[in-house]
Each structure stands twice: as C-alpha cells, then as structure tokens.
C-alpha cells in the first residue's frame, strides 16, 4: 500500500502544535498586558473637563480642605461634586471675568450644572463607600494619590480588583489616624506598629471578612 501522507507531514504537524501552543501563550500574555494597561484601566490619564480645575492650586496653594467641595464624603458612599455656587463663592470676587471660567458663569446664569467627567469611575457592579473608608482611617491619598500635587486630576491607581484586595488583605499597611485622613502629605514614622494598633482601635474586620465577594459586589 502506497504512503498517503508525505514524510514531511510529521514535521508540519509538530510545528503546528508548537505554533498553536506559542499562539495561546502569546495571546494570554497580550490579554493580561491589555487588562493592566492604562488604555484599559485609565490609570495615569487625565480627562478633558469643562474647566481645567487645578487641585494643586486650590489645595496646596490656597489650602482649601477636601470637604469644602466634596461635602458628602464623610456621610455618604459618594464624595459629591461641588455645585456651581460653591465655585462662585470665591470666583464672584477672584478671576470673576476670566475667559477660563466662562462655563462656570454660564452654569450659574442658566442653572444648568457643569458636566464633570468622573475620573475614578468604578463599574456599576462594584460597590464602594467613601464614608466607611474614612471612618476606618483610610486617607484620601491612599486611593487618589497626592491630589494636592496634580494640576489636572488623574486616576492614580488601576482600580482593578487585585488592587482593592491588596488593601483589604492587609489594611494595617494603609490605615492612619482619623485626624490625618485629609492630610495629603502625612507620613507615619512606624506604619507597622501604628497600623496594628489602629486596626484594633478602629475595629477593622479581619481579612477573611473584607475579601468576601459580597463586600464589594452587591
């Protein structure tokens, strides 16, 4: 009986298997790289806003407290976006005729709110409560970074689940005195000792409770 397949078929078959395996490995590597890229997570990117608001100027330069604009951050899951009137409390007198602030003046005149774009925008299936994190001694800078040094607001962290779980697995590394929650520049002298003490003092739940699915997905 004559040979049906050429001898080279064996080599081609082996090469095909190697190629398929390499393609799967490369595809997995590329997918993992994409999910962690700034293109997908938004980390480090700035968004075009109706007004180029500088946190560096308002926080570091003028010393305005976070809570002046984000009024509900201590009592609600949502930190709150300042109303146009909040901006105009100062800008009725300061830079009141600046072309840059024309959208703010138009908003006040028409009653139409400014359409700010959320920089830290979690998926709808993720539940996050600002007030409980602040009440447990997690500072603004732990999630948002040094906002006081940002001329334009950007997303400091990836906001991916692995990043959130990293804190929930060991909150002692991040907890700070409640009096220092809004201090962007605060640095501990001994975070290990301080964190261990505050976890007990603030009655922060153990990691096995903080990493259950329903804690963030409700």
C-alpha atoms as a PDB file:
ATOM      1  CA  UNK A   1       0.000   0.000   0.000  1.00  0.00           C
ATOM      2  CA  UNK A   2       1.410   3.342  -1.001  1.00  0.00           C
ATOM      3  CA  UNK A   3       2.086   6.033   1.624  1.00  0.00           C
ATOM      4  CA  UNK A   4      -0.806   8.501   1.853  1.00  0.00           C
ATOM      5  CA  UNK A   5       0.989  11.382   3.575  1.00  0.00           C
ATOM      6  CA  UNK A   6       4.389  12.733   2.690  1.00  0.00           C
ATOM      7  CA  UNK A   7       7.126  12.242   5.278  1.00  0.00           C
ATOM      8  CA  UNK A   8       7.200  15.997   5.858  1.00  0.00           C
ATOM      9  CA  UNK A   9       3.672  15.818   7.290  1.00  0.00           C
ATOM     10  CA  UNK A  10       5.038  14.710  10.657  1.00  0.00           C
ATOM     11  CA  UNK A  11       7.284  17.728  10.869  1.00  0.00           C
ATOM     12  CA  UNK A  12       4.436  20.018   9.801  1.00  0.00           C
ATOM     13  CA  UNK A  13       2.155  18.501  12.452  1.00  0.00           C
ATOM     14  CA  UNK A  14       4.761  19.039  15.184  1.00  0.00           C
ATOM     15  CA  UNK A  15       5.388  22.605  14.039  1.00  0.00           C
ATOM     16  CA  UNK A  16       1.635  23.269  14.016  1.00  0.00           C
ATOM     17  CA  UNK A  17       1.292  22.053  17.600  1.00  0.00           C
ATOM     18  CA  UNK A  18       4.224  24.210  18.708  1.00  0.00           C
ATOM     19  CA  UNK A  19       2.768  27.169  16.837  1.00  0.00           C
ATOM     20  CA  UNK A  20      -0.662  26.747  18.426  1.00  0.00           C
ATOM     21  CA  UNK A  21       0.890  26.491  21.895  1.00  0.00           C
ATOM     22  CA  UNK A  22       3.007  29.592  21.260  1.00  0.00           C
ATOM     23  CA  UNK A  23      -0.047  31.454  19.992  1.00  0.00           C
ATOM     24  CA  UNK A  24      -2.010  30.569  23.124  1.00  0.00           C
ATOM     25  CA  UNK A  25       0.847  31.684  25.370  1.00  0.00           C
ATOM     26  CA  UNK A  26       1.315  34.926  23.441  1.00  0.00           C
ATOM     27  CA  UNK A  27      -2.439  35.567  23.361  1.00  0.00           C
ATOM     28  CA  UNK A  28      -2.717  35.082  27.131  1.00  0.00           C
ATOM     29  CA  UNK A  29       0.281  37.365  27.718  1.00  0.00           C
ATOM     30  CA  UNK A  30      -1.175  40.041  25.420  1.00  0.00           C
ATOM     31  CA  UNK A  31      -4.599  39.848  27.098  1.00  0.00           C
ATOM     32  CA  UNK A  32      -3.115  40.168  30.573  1.00  0.00           C
ATOM     33  CA  UNK A  33      -0.995  43.082  29.401  1.00  0.00           C
ATOM     34  CA  UNK A  34      -4.019  44.833  27.931  1.00  0.00           C
ATOM     35  CA  UNK A  35      -6.124  44.421  31.083  1.00  0.00           C
ATOM     36  CA  UNK A  36      -3.363  46.106  33.105  1.00  0.00           C
ATOM     37  CA  UNK A  37      -2.606  48.824  30.566  1.00  0.00           C
ATOM     38  CA  UNK A  38      -3.604  52.431  31.107  1.00  0.00           C
ATOM     39  CA  UNK A  39      -5.703  52.181  27.950  1.00  0.00           C
ATOM     40  CA  UNK A  40      -7.982  49.743  29.771  1.00  0.00           C
ATOM     41  CA  UNK A  41      -7.709  50.940  33.394  1.00  0.00           C
ATOM     42  CA  UNK A  42      -7.367  54.686  32.803  1.00  0.00           C
ATOM     43  CA  UNK A  43      -4.503  54.840  35.315  1.00  0.00           C
ATOM     44  CA  UNK A  44      -2.424  57.987  34.957  1.00  0.00           C
ATOM     45  CA  UNK A  45      -4.693  59.509  32.327  1.00  0.00           C
ATOM     46  CA  UNK A  46      -6.421  62.875  32.537  1.00  0.00           C
ATOM     47  CA  UNK A  47      -9.849  63.612  31.113  1.00  0.00           C
ATOM     48  CA  UNK A  48     -10.968  66.737  29.317  1.00  0.00           C
ATOM     49  CA  UNK A  49     -13.182  68.682  31.728  1.00  0.00           C
ATOM     50  CA  UNK A  50     -15.470  71.688  31.165  1.00  0.00           C
ATOM     51  CA  UNK A  51     -12.985  73.742  33.224  1.00  0.00           C
ATOM     52  CA  UNK A  52      -9.278  72.841  33.761  1.00  0.00           C
ATOM     53  CA  UNK A  53      -9.528  72.693  37.553  1.00  0.00           C
ATOM     54  CA  UNK A  54      -6.190  72.508  39.379  1.00  0.00           C
ATOM     55  CA  UNK A  55      -6.214  70.665  42.698  1.00  0.00           C
ATOM     56  CA  UNK A  56      -2.580  71.666  43.187  1.00  0.00           C
ATOM     57  CA  UNK A  57      -3.532  75.351  43.144  1.00  0.00           C
ATOM     58  CA  UNK A  58      -6.665  75.052  45.256  1.00  0.00           C
ATOM     59  CA  UNK A  59      -5.381  72.512  47.809  1.00  0.00           C
ATOM     60  CA  UNK A  60      -1.662  73.268  48.138  1.00  0.00           C
ATOM     61  CA  UNK A  61      -1.727  76.888  47.043  1.00  0.00           C
ATOM     62  CA  UNK A  62      -4.904  78.087  48.748  1.00  0.00           C
ATOM     63  CA  UNK A  63      -5.224  75.456  51.479  1.00  0.00           C
ATOM     64  CA  UNK A  64      -8.828  74.529  50.679  1.00  0.00           C
ATOM     65  CA  UNK A  65      -9.964  71.414  52.532  1.00  0.00           C
ATOM     66  CA  UNK A  66     -11.269  68.446  50.511  1.00  0.00           C
ATOM     67  CA  UNK A  67     -14.604  68.649  52.321  1.00  0.00           C
ATOM     68  CA  UNK A  68     -15.339  72.169  51.145  1.00  0.00           C
ATOM     69  CA  UNK A  69     -16.067  70.817  47.657  1.00  0.00           C
ATOM     70  CA  UNK A  70     -16.698  67.142  48.390  1.00  0.00           C
ATOM     71  CA  UNK A  71     -19.290  67.795  51.061  1.00  0.00           C
ATOM     72  CA  UNK A  72     -20.770  64.310  51.426  1.00  0.00           C
ATOM     73  CA  UNK A  73     -17.539  62.325  51.576  1.00  0.00           C
ATOM     74  CA  UNK A  74     -17.841  61.666  55.331  1.00  0.00           C
ATOM     75  CA  UNK A  75     -21.524  60.737  55.344  1.00  0.00           C
ATOM     76  CA  UNK A  76     -22.231  59.062  52.015  1.00  0.00           C
ATOM     77  CA  UNK A  77     -20.895  56.470  49.610  1.00  0.00           C
ATOM     78  CA  UNK A  78     -20.446  59.269  47.068  1.00  0.00           C
ATOM     79  CA  UNK A  79     -17.926  62.035  47.750  1.00  0.00           C
ATOM     80  CA  UNK A  80     -20.033  64.614  45.926  1.00  0.00           C
ATOM     81  CA  UNK A  81     -19.334  67.043  43.111  1.00  0.00           C
ATOM     82  CA  UNK A  82     -19.381  70.734  44.066  1.00  0.00           C
ATOM     83  CA  UNK A  83     -22.315  72.784  42.870  1.00  0.00           C
ATOM     84  CA  UNK A  84     -21.592  75.779  40.666  1.00  0.00           C
ATOM     85  CA  UNK A  85     -22.482  78.030  43.591  1.00  0.00           C
ATOM     86  CA  UNK A  86     -19.590  76.542  45.560  1.00  0.00           C
ATOM     87  CA  UNK A  87     -17.177  77.646  42.850  1.00  0.00           C
ATOM     88  CA  UNK A  88     -18.753  81.080  42.650  1.00  0.00           C
ATOM     89  CA  UNK A  89     -18.453  81.662  46.387  1.00  0.00           C
ATOM     90  CA  UNK A  90     -14.863  82.629  45.627  1.00  0.00           C
ATOM     91  CA  UNK A  91     -14.987  83.429  41.932  1.00  0.00           C
ATOM     92  CA  UNK A  92     -17.526  86.198  42.309  1.00  0.00           C
ATOM     93  CA  UNK A  93     -14.511  88.156  43.507  1.00  0.00           C
ATOM     94  CA  UNK A  94     -11.465  86.271  42.210  1.00  0.00           C
ATOM     95  CA  UNK A  95     -10.906  85.902  38.444  1.00  0.00           C
ATOM     96  CA  UNK A  96     -14.557  86.789  38.007  1.00  0.00           C
ATOM     97  CA  UNK A  97     -14.053  87.858  34.366  1.00  0.00           C
ATOM     98  CA  UNK A  98     -11.584  85.132  33.367  1.00  0.00           C
ATOM     99  CA  UNK A  99     -12.434  83.507  29.996  1.00  0.00           C
ATOM    100  CA  UNK A 100     -11.408  80.165  31.519  1.00  0.00           C
ATOM    101  CA  UNK A 101     -14.290  80.424  33.978  1.00  0.00           C
ATOM    102  CA  UNK A 102     -16.921  81.324  31.383  1.00  0.00           C
ATOM    103  CA  UNK A 103     -18.528  77.830  31.645  1.00  0.00           C
ATOM    104  CA  UNK A 104     -18.912  78.330  35.405  1.00  0.00           C
ATOM    105  CA  UNK A 105     -20.578  81.713  34.986  1.00  0.00           C
ATOM    106  CA  UNK A 106     -22.846  80.314  32.271  1.00  0.00           C
ATOM    107  CA  UNK A 107     -23.811  77.435  34.555  1.00  0.00           C
ATOM    108  CA  UNK A 108     -24.745  79.826  37.341  1.00  0.00           C
ATOM    109  CA  UNK A 109     -26.765  82.030  34.987  1.00  0.00           C
ATOM    110  CA  UNK A 110     -28.677  79.223  33.295  1.00  0.00           C
ATOM    111  CA  UNK A 111     -28.955  76.814  36.210  1.00  0.00           C
ATOM    112  CA  UNK A 112     -27.502  74.037  34.045  1.00  0.00           C
ATOM    113  CA  UNK A 113     -24.917  72.024  36.021  1.00  0.00           C
ATOM    114  CA  UNK A 114     -21.414  71.608  34.671  1.00  0.00           C
ATOM    115  CA  UNK A 115     -20.895  68.139  33.208  1.00  0.00           C
ATOM    116  CA  UNK A 116     -17.786  66.987  35.041  1.00  0.00           C
ATOM    117  CA  UNK A 117     -16.362  63.637  33.935  1.00  0.00           C
ATOM    118  CA  UNK A 118     -15.682  61.177  36.730  1.00  0.00           C
ATOM    119  CA  UNK A 119     -12.001  60.315  36.855  1.00  0.00           C
ATOM    120  CA  UNK A 120     -12.324  57.481  39.375  1.00  0.00           C
ATOM    121  CA  UNK A 121     -15.269  55.715  37.781  1.00  0.00           C
ATOM    122  CA  UNK A 122     -15.861  52.201  39.078  1.00  0.00           C
ATOM    123  CA  UNK A 123     -18.046  49.717  37.163  1.00  0.00           C
ATOM    124  CA  UNK A 124     -21.712  49.606  38.133  1.00  0.00           C
ATOM    125  CA  UNK A 125     -21.281  46.147  39.648  1.00  0.00           C
ATOM    126  CA  UNK A 126     -18.771  47.448  42.204  1.00  0.00           C
ATOM    127  CA  UNK A 127     -19.939  48.986  45.474  1.00  0.00           C
ATOM    128  CA  UNK A 128     -17.640  51.483  47.164  1.00  0.00           C
ATOM    129  CA  UNK A 129     -18.466  53.624  50.179  1.00  0.00           C
ATOM    130  CA  UNK A 130     -16.310  56.679  50.864  1.00  0.00           C
ATOM    131  CA  UNK A 131     -17.687  57.295  54.355  1.00  0.00           C
ATOM    132  CA  UNK A 132     -16.834  53.860  55.760  1.00  0.00           C
ATOM    133  CA  UNK A 133     -13.258  54.044  54.472  1.00  0.00           C
ATOM    134  CA  UNK A 134     -12.729  57.458  56.057  1.00  0.00           C
ATOM    135  CA  UNK A 135     -14.335  56.281  59.301  1.00  0.00           C
ATOM    136  CA  UNK A 136     -11.818  53.423  59.417  1.00  0.00           C
ATOM    137  CA  UNK A 137      -8.819  55.705  58.899  1.00  0.00           C
ATOM    138  CA  UNK A 138      -8.105  55.284  55.190  1.00  0.00           C
ATOM    139  CA  UNK A 139      -6.781  58.575  53.836  1.00  0.00           C
ATOM    140  CA  UNK A 140      -7.755  60.230  50.576  1.00  0.00           C
ATOM    141  CA  UNK A 141      -4.204  59.888  49.272  1.00  0.00           C
ATOM    142  CA  UNK A 142      -4.246  56.105  49.713  1.00  0.00           C
ATOM    143  CA  UNK A 143      -6.627  55.784  46.765  1.00  0.00           C
ATOM    144  CA  UNK A 144      -6.430  59.104  44.948  1.00  0.00           C
ATOM    145  CA  UNK A 145      -2.702  59.762  45.328  1.00  0.00           C
ATOM    146  CA  UNK A 146      -1.170  63.177  46.005  1.00  0.00           C
ATOM    147  CA  UNK A 147      -4.082  65.172  44.644  1.00  0.00           C
ATOM    148  CA  UNK A 148      -2.506  68.287  46.121  1.00  0.00           C
ATOM    149  CA  UNK A 149       0.275  67.933  43.533  1.00  0.00           C
ATOM    150  CA  UNK A 150      -1.957  67.393  40.496  1.00  0.00           C
ATOM    151  CA  UNK A 151      -2.504  70.339  38.200  1.00  0.00           C
ATOM    152  CA  UNK A 152      -5.118  68.264  36.391  1.00  0.00           C
ATOM    153  CA  UNK A 153      -6.880  65.413  38.143  1.00  0.00           C
ATOM    154  CA  UNK A 154      -5.819  61.947  37.054  1.00  0.00           C
ATOM    155  CA  UNK A 155      -6.535  58.400  38.176  1.00  0.00           C
ATOM    156  CA  UNK A 156      -3.698  57.454  40.489  1.00  0.00           C
ATOM    157  CA  UNK A 157      -4.311  53.698  40.824  1.00  0.00           C
ATOM    158  CA  UNK A 158      -5.519  50.987  38.481  1.00  0.00           C
ATOM    159  CA  UNK A 159      -8.761  50.477  40.467  1.00  0.00           C
ATOM    160  CA  UNK A 160      -8.669  46.834  39.464  1.00  0.00           C
ATOM    161  CA  UNK A 161      -9.932  44.208  41.883  1.00  0.00           C
ATOM    162  CA  UNK A 162      -6.444  42.968  42.717  1.00  0.00           C
ATOM    163  CA  UNK A 163      -5.506  46.499  43.810  1.00  0.00           C
ATOM    164  CA  UNK A 164      -8.525  46.782  46.118  1.00  0.00           C
ATOM    165  CA  UNK A 165      -7.958  43.321  47.585  1.00  0.00           C
ATOM    166  CA  UNK A 166      -4.333  44.207  48.279  1.00  0.00           C
ATOM    167  CA  UNK A 167      -5.531  46.719  50.864  1.00  0.00           C
ATOM    168  CA  UNK A 168      -8.365  44.555  52.181  1.00  0.00           C
ATOM    169  CA  UNK A 169      -5.964  41.679  52.814  1.00  0.00           C
ATOM    170  CA  UNK A 170      -3.691  43.852  54.978  1.00  0.00           C
ATOM    171  CA  UNK A 171      -5.336  47.171  55.950  1.00  0.00           C
ATOM    172  CA  UNK A 172      -2.685  47.743  58.629  1.00  0.00           C
ATOM    173  CA  UNK A 173      -0.337  48.899  55.870  1.00  0.00           C
ATOM    174  CA  UNK A 174      -2.622  51.789  54.964  1.00  0.00           C
ATOM    175  CA  UNK A 175      -4.708  52.804  57.985  1.00  0.00           C
ATOM    176  CA  UNK A 176      -3.851  56.136  59.571  1.00  0.00           C
ATOM    177  CA  UNK A 177      -5.187  58.270  62.459  1.00  0.00           C
ATOM    178  CA  UNK A 178      -8.602  59.682  61.603  1.00  0.00           C
ATOM    179  CA  UNK A 179      -7.239  63.164  62.263  1.00  0.00           C
ATOM    180  CA  UNK A 180      -4.824  62.714  59.346  1.00  0.00           C
ATOM    181  CA  UNK A 181      -7.263  61.304  56.773  1.00  0.00           C
ATOM    182  CA  UNK A 182      -7.413  64.558  54.788  1.00  0.00           C
ATOM    183  CA  UNK A 183      -3.701  65.404  55.118  1.00  0.00           C
ATOM    184  CA  UNK A 184      -2.203  64.530  51.747  1.00  0.00           C
ATOM    185  CA  UNK A 185       1.401  64.856  52.927  1.00  0.00           C
ATOM    186  CA  UNK A 186       1.088  62.809  56.116  1.00  0.00           C
ATOM    187  CA  UNK A 187       3.690  60.085  56.584  1.00  0.00           C
ATOM    188  CA  UNK A 188       3.917  57.621  59.504  1.00  0.00           C
ATOM    189  CA  UNK A 189       7.080  57.052  61.499  1.00  0.00           C
ATOM    190  CA  UNK A 190       6.333  53.359  62.028  1.00  0.00           C
ATOM    191  CA  UNK A 191       3.408  52.178  59.914  1.00  0.00           C
ATOM    192  CA  UNK A 192       3.677  48.561  61.070  1.00  0.00           C
ATOM    193  CA  UNK A 193       3.227  49.403  64.755  1.00  0.00           C
ATOM    194  CA  UNK A 194       0.719  52.179  64.098  1.00  0.00           C
ATOM    195  CA  UNK A 195      -1.337  50.072  61.703  1.00  0.00           C
ATOM    196  CA  UNK A 196      -1.535  47.113  64.068  1.00  0.00           C
ATOM    197  CA  UNK A 197      -2.771  49.383  66.851  1.00  0.00           C
ATOM    198  CA  UNK A 198      -5.314  51.262  64.728  1.00  0.00           C
ATOM    199  CA  UNK A 199      -6.764  48.083  63.215  1.00  0.00           C
ATOM    200  CA  UNK A 200      -7.755  47.056  66.733  1.00  0.00           C
ATOM    201  CA  UNK A 201      -8.765  50.556  67.857  1.00  0.00           C
ATOM    202  CA  UNK A 202     -10.986  51.177  64.822  1.00  0.00           C
ATOM    203  CA  UNK A 203     -12.331  47.613  64.918  1.00  0.00           C
ATOM    204  CA  UNK A 204     -11.396  46.876  61.326  1.00  0.00           C
ATOM    205  CA  UNK A 205     -12.637  43.450  60.376  1.00  0.00           C
ATOM    206  CA  UNK A 206     -10.177  40.611  59.676  1.00  0.00           C
ATOM    207  CA  UNK A 207      -9.081  39.996  56.061  1.00  0.00           C
ATOM    208  CA  UNK A 208     -11.272  36.897  55.651  1.00  0.00           C
ATOM    209  CA  UNK A 209     -14.304  39.149  56.155  1.00  0.00           C
ATOM    210  CA  UNK A 210     -13.016  42.017  53.980  1.00  0.00           C
ATOM    211  CA  UNK A 211     -12.269  39.828  50.971  1.00  0.00           C
ATOM    212  CA  UNK A 212     -15.623  38.077  50.561  1.00  0.00           C
ATOM    213  CA  UNK A 213     -17.349  38.678  47.219  1.00  0.00           C
ATOM    214  CA  UNK A 214     -20.419  40.395  48.679  1.00  0.00           C
ATOM    215  CA  UNK A 215     -18.257  43.010  50.361  1.00  0.00           C
ATOM    216  CA  UNK A 216     -17.865  44.851  47.056  1.00  0.00           C
ATOM    217  CA  UNK A 217     -20.306  43.088  44.726  1.00  0.00           C
ATOM    218  CA  UNK A 218     -23.872  43.534  45.944  1.00  0.00           C
END
